[in-house]
C-alpha cells in the first residue's frame, strides 16, 4: 500500500491536537479592518476547531500530522 501524500496547503493551515481535534485560525482578519469593531477583531484572534462533520475529510488531507 503506498503512502498518502499530505496536502501541503492544509498542513500549513491546520494542526492536530493530542486529543485528535483539528485546530484552525478564524477567517476575516486580513484586511478591511477599519469597519470591524474592536471586539470583533479581538474575538477573531482566538483560534477555533474544525467541526465534527468536517473532521473526517480534514484527516484525509493531513494523514501524518
PDB file of N, CA and C in Angstrom:
ATOM      1  N   UNK A   1       0.844  -1.186   0.000  1.00  0.00           N
ATOM      2  CA  UNK A   1       0.000   0.000   0.000  1.00  0.00           C
ATOM      3  C   UNK A   1       0.887   1.246   0.000  1.00  0.00           C
ATOM      4  N   UNK A   2       0.743   2.124  -0.967  1.00  0.00           N
ATOM      5  CA  UNK A   2       1.592   3.318  -0.995  1.00  0.00           C
ATOM      6  C   UNK A   2       1.175   4.333   0.064  1.00  0.00           C
ATOM      7  N   UNK A   3       2.128   5.204   0.373  1.00  0.00           N
ATOM      8  CA  UNK A   3       1.827   6.273   1.328  1.00  0.00           C
ATOM      9  C   UNK A   3       0.860   7.271   0.700  1.00  0.00           C
ATOM     10  N   UNK A   4       0.133   7.982   1.561  1.00  0.00           N
ATOM     11  CA  UNK A   4      -0.788   9.019   1.094  1.00  0.00           C
ATOM     12  C   UNK A   4      -0.042  10.348   1.137  1.00  0.00           C
ATOM     13  N   UNK A   5      -0.144  11.135   0.083  1.00  0.00           N
ATOM     14  CA  UNK A   5       0.509  12.442   0.080  1.00  0.00           C
ATOM     15  C   UNK A   5      -0.283  13.428   0.931  1.00  0.00           C
ATOM     16  N   UNK A   6       0.452  14.215   1.719  1.00  0.00           N
ATOM     17  CA  UNK A   6      -0.155  15.265   2.520  1.00  0.00           C
ATOM     18  C   UNK A   6      -0.431  16.468   1.634  1.00  0.00           C
ATOM     19  N   UNK A   7      -1.607  17.059   1.796  1.00  0.00           N
ATOM     20  CA  UNK A   7      -1.916  18.311   1.095  1.00  0.00           C
ATOM     21  C   UNK A   7      -1.215  19.432   1.854  1.00  0.00           C
ATOM     22  N   UNK A   8      -0.168  19.989   1.252  1.00  0.00           N
ATOM     23  CA  UNK A   8       0.682  20.950   1.945  1.00  0.00           C
ATOM     24  C   UNK A   8      -0.064  22.221   2.331  1.00  0.00           C
ATOM     25  N   UNK A   9      -1.014  22.648   1.518  1.00  0.00           N
ATOM     26  CA  UNK A   9      -1.768  23.859   1.853  1.00  0.00           C
ATOM     27  C   UNK A   9      -2.563  23.640   3.146  1.00  0.00           C
ATOM     28  N   UNK A  10      -3.107  22.451   3.325  1.00  0.00           N
ATOM     29  CA  UNK A  10      -3.861  22.138   4.542  1.00  0.00           C
ATOM     30  C   UNK A  10      -2.917  21.984   5.734  1.00  0.00           C
ATOM     31  N   UNK A  11      -1.745  21.394   5.506  1.00  0.00           N
ATOM     32  CA  UNK A  11      -0.789  21.191   6.587  1.00  0.00           C
ATOM     33  C   UNK A  11      -0.299  22.513   7.169  1.00  0.00           C
ATOM     34  N   UNK A  12      -0.240  23.547   6.335  1.00  0.00           N
ATOM     35  CA  UNK A  12       0.203  24.856   6.805  1.00  0.00           C
ATOM     36  C   UNK A  12      -0.890  25.566   7.604  1.00  0.00           C
ATOM     37  N   UNK A  13      -2.140  25.232   7.362  1.00  0.00           N
ATOM     38  CA  UNK A  13      -3.255  25.947   7.987  1.00  0.00           C
ATOM     39  C   UNK A  13      -3.828  25.269   9.220  1.00  0.00           C
ATOM     40  N   UNK A  14      -3.650  23.964   9.350  1.00  0.00           N
ATOM     41  CA  UNK A  14      -4.288  23.216  10.426  1.00  0.00           C
ATOM     42  C   UNK A  14      -3.259  22.441  11.234  1.00  0.00           C
ATOM     43  N   UNK A  15      -3.541  22.274  12.526  1.00  0.00           N
ATOM     44  CA  UNK A  15      -2.711  21.427  13.376  1.00  0.00           C
ATOM     45  C   UNK A  15      -3.621  20.477  14.134  1.00  0.00           C
ATOM     46  N   UNK A  16      -3.087  19.300  14.429  1.00  0.00           N
ATOM     47  CA  UNK A  16      -3.853  18.290  15.155  1.00  0.00           C
ATOM     48  C   UNK A  16      -3.413  18.310  16.612  1.00  0.00           C
ATOM     49  N   UNK A  17      -4.371  18.365  17.528  1.00  0.00           N
ATOM     50  CA  UNK A  17      -4.060  18.367  18.953  1.00  0.00           C
ATOM     51  C   UNK A  17      -3.797  16.940  19.417  1.00  0.00           C
ATOM     52  N   UNK A  18      -3.328  16.802  20.647  1.00  0.00           N
ATOM     53  CA  UNK A  18      -3.044  15.464  21.179  1.00  0.00           C
ATOM     54  C   UNK A  18      -4.306  14.622  21.305  1.00  0.00           C
ATOM     55  N   UNK A  19      -5.432  15.296  21.536  1.00  0.00           N
ATOM     56  CA  UNK A  19      -6.689  14.555  21.647  1.00  0.00           C
ATOM     57  C   UNK A  19      -7.269  14.200  20.281  1.00  0.00           C
ATOM     58  N   UNK A  20      -6.647  14.709  19.190  1.00  0.00           N
ATOM     59  CA  UNK A  20      -7.088  14.348  17.851  1.00  0.00           C
ATOM     60  C   UNK A  20      -7.986  15.377  17.177  1.00  0.00           C
ATOM     61  N   UNK A  21      -8.305  16.459  17.882  1.00  0.00           N
ATOM     62  CA  UNK A  21      -9.116  17.509  17.260  1.00  0.00           C
ATOM     63  C   UNK A  21      -8.226  18.369  16.372  1.00  0.00           C
ATOM     64  N   UNK A  22      -8.830  19.066  15.420  1.00  0.00           N
ATOM     65  CA  UNK A  22      -8.063  19.856  14.465  1.00  0.00           C
ATOM     66  C   UNK A  22      -8.278  21.340  14.741  1.00  0.00           C
ATOM     67  N   UNK A  23      -7.160  22.045  15.026  1.00  0.00           N
ATOM     68  CA  UNK A  23      -7.205  23.476  15.303  1.00  0.00           C
ATOM     69  C   UNK A  23      -7.104  24.251  14.006  1.00  0.00           C
ATOM     70  N   UNK A  24      -7.773  25.419  13.978  1.00  0.00           N
ATOM     71  CA  UNK A  24      -7.729  26.270  12.800  1.00  0.00           C
ATOM     72  C   UNK A  24      -7.753  27.723  13.246  1.00  0.00           C
ATOM     73  N   UNK A  25      -7.361  28.608  12.330  1.00  0.00           N
ATOM     74  CA  UNK A  25      -7.459  30.043  12.594  1.00  0.00           C
ATOM     75  C   UNK A  25      -8.810  30.526  12.085  1.00  0.00           C
ATOM     76  N   UNK A  26      -9.275  31.629  12.626  1.00  0.00           N
ATOM     77  CA  UNK A  26     -10.550  32.178  12.171  1.00  0.00           C
ATOM     78  C   UNK A  26     -10.341  33.069  10.950  1.00  0.00           C
ATOM     79  N   UNK A  27     -11.352  33.182  10.131  1.00  0.00           N
ATOM     80  CA  UNK A  27     -11.282  33.966   8.896  1.00  0.00           C
ATOM     81  C   UNK A  27     -11.650  35.426   9.163  1.00  0.00           C
ATOM     82  N   UNK A  28     -11.554  36.257   8.140  1.00  0.00           N
ATOM     83  CA  UNK A  28     -11.985  37.662   8.140  1.00  0.00           C
ATOM     84  C   UNK A  28     -11.108  38.555   9.013  1.00  0.00           C
ATOM     85  N   UNK A  29      -9.809  38.304   9.065  1.00  0.00           N
ATOM     86  CA  UNK A  29      -8.922  39.139   9.874  1.00  0.00           C
ATOM     87  C   UNK A  29      -7.753  39.673   9.047  1.00  0.00           C
ATOM     88  N   UNK A  30      -7.867  39.684   7.719  1.00  0.00           N
ATOM     89  CA  UNK A  30      -6.744  40.080   6.876  1.00  0.00           C
ATOM     90  C   UNK A  30      -6.766  41.547   6.465  1.00  0.00           C
ATOM     91  N   UNK A  31      -7.885  42.043   6.009  1.00  0.00           N
ATOM     92  CA  UNK A  31      -7.935  43.422   5.533  1.00  0.00           C
ATOM     93  C   UNK A  31      -9.328  43.977   5.760  1.00  0.00           C
ATOM     94  N   UNK A  32      -9.500  45.253   5.452  1.00  0.00           N
ATOM     95  CA  UNK A  32     -10.746  45.994   5.713  1.00  0.00           C
ATOM     96  C   UNK A  32     -11.099  45.877   7.207  1.00  0.00           C
ATOM     97  N   UNK A  33     -10.114  46.204   8.050  1.00  0.00           N
ATOM     98  CA  UNK A  33     -10.303  46.056   9.487  1.00  0.00           C
ATOM     99  C   UNK A  33     -10.895  47.313  10.125  1.00  0.00           C
ATOM    100  N   UNK A  34     -10.923  48.429   9.390  1.00  0.00           N
ATOM    101  CA  UNK A  34     -11.395  49.675   9.997  1.00  0.00           C
ATOM    102  C   UNK A  34     -12.884  49.627  10.311  1.00  0.00           C
ATOM    103  N   UNK A  35     -13.655  48.943   9.484  1.00  0.00           N
ATOM    104  CA  UNK A  35     -15.096  48.898   9.724  1.00  0.00           C
ATOM    105  C   UNK A  35     -15.504  47.819  10.728  1.00  0.00           C
ATOM    106  N   UNK A  36     -14.581  46.946  11.094  1.00  0.00           N
ATOM    107  CA  UNK A  36     -14.895  45.905  12.076  1.00  0.00           C
ATOM    108  C   UNK A  36     -14.626  46.440  13.474  1.00  0.00           C
ATOM    109  N   UNK A  37     -15.497  46.079  14.400  1.00  0.00           N
ATOM    110  CA  UNK A  37     -15.364  46.588  15.765  1.00  0.00           C
ATOM    111  C   UNK A  37     -14.153  45.963  16.455  1.00  0.00           C
ATOM    112  N   UNK A  38     -13.680  46.644  17.493  1.00  0.00           N
ATOM    113  CA  UNK A  38     -12.534  46.147  18.261  1.00  0.00           C
ATOM    114  C   UNK A  38     -12.858  44.796  18.880  1.00  0.00           C
ATOM    115  N   UNK A  39     -14.075  44.657  19.366  1.00  0.00           N
ATOM    116  CA  UNK A  39     -14.496  43.398  19.976  1.00  0.00           C
ATOM    117  C   UNK A  39     -14.455  42.262  18.971  1.00  0.00           C
ATOM    118  N   UNK A  40     -14.941  42.538  17.772  1.00  0.00           N
ATOM    119  CA  UNK A  40     -14.971  41.510  16.725  1.00  0.00           C
ATOM    120  C   UNK A  40     -13.560  41.095  16.331  1.00  0.00           C
ATOM    121  N   UNK A  41     -12.657  42.070  16.190  1.00  0.00           N
ATOM    122  CA  UNK A  41     -11.272  41.760  15.818  1.00  0.00           C
ATOM    123  C   UNK A  41     -10.575  40.981  16.919  1.00  0.00           C
ATOM    124  N   UNK A  42     -10.857  41.315  18.168  1.00  0.00           N
ATOM    125  CA  UNK A  42     -10.263  40.613  19.303  1.00  0.00           C
ATOM    126  C   UNK A  42     -10.722  39.158  19.338  1.00  0.00           C
ATOM    127  N   UNK A  43     -11.996  38.938  19.056  1.00  0.00           N
ATOM    128  CA  UNK A  43     -12.520  37.571  19.063  1.00  0.00           C
ATOM    129  C   UNK A  43     -11.973  36.745  17.904  1.00  0.00           C
ATOM    130  N   UNK A  44     -11.631  37.396  16.802  1.00  0.00           N
ATOM    131  CA  UNK A  44     -11.074  36.690  15.650  1.00  0.00           C
ATOM    132  C   UNK A  44      -9.629  36.249  15.886  1.00  0.00           C
ATOM    133  N   UNK A  45      -8.957  36.849  16.879  1.00  0.00           N
ATOM    134  CA  UNK A  45      -7.585  36.452  17.191  1.00  0.00           C
ATOM    135  C   UNK A  45      -7.521  35.020  17.695  1.00  0.00           C
ATOM    136  N   UNK A  46      -8.511  34.634  18.466  1.00  0.00           N
ATOM    137  CA  UNK A  46      -8.534  33.287  19.032  1.00  0.00           C
ATOM    138  C   UNK A  46      -8.806  32.278  17.933  1.00  0.00           C
ATOM    139  N   UNK A  47      -8.195  31.119  18.046  1.00  0.00           N
ATOM    140  CA  UNK A  47      -8.425  30.071  17.064  1.00  0.00           C
ATOM    141  C   UNK A  47      -9.734  29.366  17.312  1.00  0.00           C
ATOM    142  N   UNK A  48     -10.024  28.407  16.468  1.00  0.00           N
ATOM    143  CA  UNK A  48     -11.222  27.594  16.634  1.00  0.00           C
ATOM    144  C   UNK A  48     -10.887  26.161  16.291  1.00  0.00           C
ATOM    145  N   UNK A  49     -11.883  25.333  16.283  1.00  0.00           N
ATOM    146  CA  UNK A  49     -11.711  23.930  15.918  1.00  0.00           C
ATOM    147  C   UNK A  49     -12.564  23.609  14.705  1.00  0.00           C
ATOM    148  N   UNK A  50     -12.098  22.672  13.911  1.00  0.00           N
ATOM    149  CA  UNK A  50     -12.865  22.207  12.759  1.00  0.00           C
ATOM    150  C   UNK A  50     -14.076  21.459  13.294  1.00  0.00           C
ATOM    151  N   UNK A  51     -15.234  21.637  12.673  1.00  0.00           N
ATOM    152  CA  UNK A  51     -16.454  20.979  13.145  1.00  0.00           C
ATOM    153  C   UNK A  51     -16.351  19.469  12.963  1.00  0.00           C
ATOM    154  N   UNK A  52     -17.094  18.750  13.758  1.00  0.00           N
ATOM    155  CA  UNK A  52     -17.062  17.287  13.721  1.00  0.00           C
ATOM    156  C   UNK A  52     -17.430  16.707  12.376  1.00  0.00           C
ATOM    157  N   UNK A  53     -18.280  17.410  11.645  1.00  0.00           N
ATOM    158  CA  UNK A  53     -18.717  16.937  10.333  1.00  0.00           C
ATOM    159  C   UNK A  53     -17.541  16.930   9.353  1.00  0.00           C
ATOM    160  N   UNK A  54     -16.685  17.937   9.443  1.00  0.00           N
ATOM    161  CA  UNK A  54     -15.565  18.082   8.509  1.00  0.00           C
ATOM    162  C   UNK A  54     -14.298  17.361   8.957  1.00  0.00           C
ATOM    163  N   UNK A  55     -14.258  16.873  10.205  1.00  0.00           N
ATOM    164  CA  UNK A  55     -13.028  16.308  10.746  1.00  0.00           C
ATOM    165  C   UNK A  55     -12.522  15.114   9.952  1.00  0.00           C
ATOM    166  N   UNK A  56     -13.411  14.256   9.507  1.00  0.00           N
ATOM    167  CA  UNK A  56     -13.003  13.069   8.747  1.00  0.00           C
ATOM    168  C   UNK A  56     -12.321  13.476   7.443  1.00  0.00           C
ATOM    169  N   UNK A  57     -12.888  14.465   6.738  1.00  0.00           N
ATOM    170  CA  UNK A  57     -12.291  14.945   5.493  1.00  0.00           C
ATOM    171  C   UNK A  57     -10.931  15.577   5.743  1.00  0.00           C
ATOM    172  N   UNK A  58     -10.808  16.329   6.827  1.00  0.00           N
ATOM    173  CA  UNK A  58      -9.551  17.002   7.132  1.00  0.00           C
ATOM    174  C   UNK A  58      -8.449  16.004   7.443  1.00  0.00           C
ATOM    175  N   UNK A  59      -8.793  14.923   8.127  1.00  0.00           N
ATOM    176  CA  UNK A  59      -7.776  13.930   8.479  1.00  0.00           C
ATOM    177  C   UNK A  59      -7.249  13.202   7.251  1.00  0.00           C
ATOM    178  N   UNK A  60      -8.024  13.175   6.181  1.00  0.00           N
ATOM    179  CA  UNK A  60      -7.524  12.609   4.928  1.00  0.00           C
ATOM    180  C   UNK A  60      -6.549  13.558   4.252  1.00  0.00           C
ATOM    181  N   UNK A  61      -6.724  14.867   4.459  1.00  0.00           N
ATOM    182  CA  UNK A  61      -5.824  15.849   3.869  1.00  0.00           C
ATOM    183  C   UNK A  61      -4.472  15.895   4.580  1.00  0.00           C
ATOM    184  N   UNK A  62      -4.502  15.691   5.908  1.00  0.00           N
ATOM    185  CA  UNK A  62      -3.244  15.714   6.679  1.00  0.00           C
ATOM    186  C   UNK A  62      -3.118  14.402   7.462  1.00  0.00           C
ATOM    187  N   UNK A  63      -2.811  13.298   6.772  1.00  0.00           N
ATOM    188  CA  UNK A  63      -2.849  11.983   7.402  1.00  0.00           C
ATOM    189  C   UNK A  63      -1.758  11.738   8.445  1.00  0.00           C
ATOM    190  N   UNK A  64      -0.579  12.345   8.307  1.00  0.00           N
ATOM    191  CA  UNK A  64       0.541  12.014   9.201  1.00  0.00           C
ATOM    192  C   UNK A  64       0.863  13.115  10.170  1.00  0.00           C
ATOM    193  N   UNK A  65       0.020  14.115  10.261  1.00  0.00           N
ATOM    194  CA  UNK A  65       0.324  15.242  11.126  1.00  0.00           C
ATOM    195  C   UNK A  65      -0.205  15.014  12.517  1.00  0.00           C
TER     196      UNK A  65
END
